[in-house]
Amino acid sequence: MPRTLQVRDVDDETYAGLRRHAAAAGVTVPELLRREMRRLASRPPVEEWLERTRHHPSDIDRDAVLASLDELRGSWPDAGR
């Protein structure tokens, strides 16, 4: 059976942001929040995820990860040095 939730004291800025996101998705604010709640509820808590991932070590070293990120990001503009 579906439950009803009520959220109080949402400030104007936050609600305006929710309205923008809902409009961009072509849905109402309640539908946007239902989608986000389903997404959040389907994911494990961070602590649980970290515990599970600790048991799966990777063969990829730190330098390989950084090199891949640098390749994806492209060159950085000179910071005025």
Protein backbone atom coordinates (compact mmCIF):
# COMPACT_ATOMS: atom_id res chain seq x y z
CA MET A 1 0.00 0.00 0.00
CA PRO A 2 1.43 3.40 -0.96
CA ARG A 3 2.47 5.75 1.81
CA THR A 4 2.05 9.49 1.96
CA LEU A 5 4.95 11.71 2.99
CA GLN A 6 4.82 15.35 3.90
CA VAL A 7 7.91 17.53 3.92
CA ARG A 8 7.70 20.77 5.86
CA ASP A 9 9.82 23.90 5.89
CA VAL A 10 11.21 23.66 2.35
CA ASP A 11 12.78 27.03 1.62
CA ASP A 12 11.82 28.98 -1.49
CA GLU A 13 15.18 28.54 -3.19
CA THR A 14 15.08 24.77 -2.79
CA TYR A 15 11.51 24.54 -4.05
CA ALA A 16 12.34 26.74 -7.05
CA GLY A 17 15.22 24.40 -7.87
CA LEU A 18 12.91 21.38 -7.64
CA ARG A 19 10.43 23.12 -9.96
CA ARG A 20 13.20 23.79 -12.50
CA HIS A 21 14.32 20.14 -12.42
CA ALA A 22 10.73 18.92 -12.71
CA ALA A 23 10.01 21.25 -15.63
CA ALA A 24 13.16 20.12 -17.43
CA ALA A 25 12.06 16.50 -16.98
CA GLY A 26 8.49 17.29 -18.06
CA VAL A 27 6.99 16.12 -14.77
CA THR A 28 5.46 17.60 -11.64
CA VAL A 29 7.46 18.21 -8.47
CA PRO A 30 5.75 15.29 -6.68
CA GLU A 31 6.57 12.95 -9.57
CA LEU A 32 10.18 14.13 -9.63
CA LEU A 33 10.44 13.47 -5.90
CA ARG A 34 8.84 10.00 -6.28
CA ARG A 35 11.43 9.14 -8.95
CA GLU A 36 14.30 10.42 -6.82
CA MET A 37 13.03 8.55 -3.75
CA ARG A 38 12.83 5.29 -5.75
CA ARG A 39 16.36 5.86 -7.03
CA LEU A 40 17.69 6.61 -3.55
CA ALA A 41 15.84 3.69 -1.95
CA SER A 42 17.22 1.25 -4.55
CA ARG A 43 20.83 2.09 -3.71
CA PRO A 44 22.68 0.72 -0.71
CA PRO A 45 23.87 3.10 2.01
CA VAL A 46 27.42 4.38 1.41
CA GLU A 47 28.83 2.34 4.30
CA GLU A 48 27.35 -0.88 2.87
CA TRP A 49 28.62 -0.11 -0.62
CA LEU A 50 32.11 0.62 0.69
CA GLU A 51 32.14 -2.61 2.66
CA ARG A 52 31.15 -4.60 -0.44
CA THR A 53 33.67 -2.89 -2.70
CA ARG A 54 36.54 -3.47 -0.26
CA HIS A 55 36.18 -7.18 -1.00
CA HIS A 56 36.83 -6.62 -4.72
CA PRO A 57 40.35 -5.25 -5.08
CA SER A 58 41.39 -3.83 -8.42
CA ASP A 59 44.48 -4.60 -10.47
CA ILE A 60 44.48 -1.02 -11.76
CA ASP A 61 47.01 1.18 -10.01
CA ARG A 62 46.66 4.83 -9.05
CA ASP A 63 48.87 6.11 -11.89
CA ALA A 64 46.74 4.35 -14.51
CA VAL A 65 43.57 5.90 -13.07
CA LEU A 66 45.12 9.38 -13.03
CA ALA A 67 46.43 8.98 -16.59
CA SER A 68 42.94 7.96 -17.79
CA LEU A 69 41.34 10.92 -16.04
CA ASP A 70 43.90 13.29 -17.55
CA GLU A 71 43.17 11.86 -21.00
CA LEU A 72 39.40 12.29 -20.54
CA ARG A 73 39.70 15.82 -19.16
CA GLY A 74 42.07 17.05 -21.82
CA SER A 75 44.75 19.63 -21.28
CA TRP A 76 44.33 22.20 -18.55
CA PRO A 77 44.62 25.87 -19.45
CA ASP A 78 47.71 27.62 -18.14
CA ALA A 79 46.88 29.07 -14.72
CA GLY A 80 48.91 32.19 -15.45
CA ARG A 81 52.26 30.77 -14.44
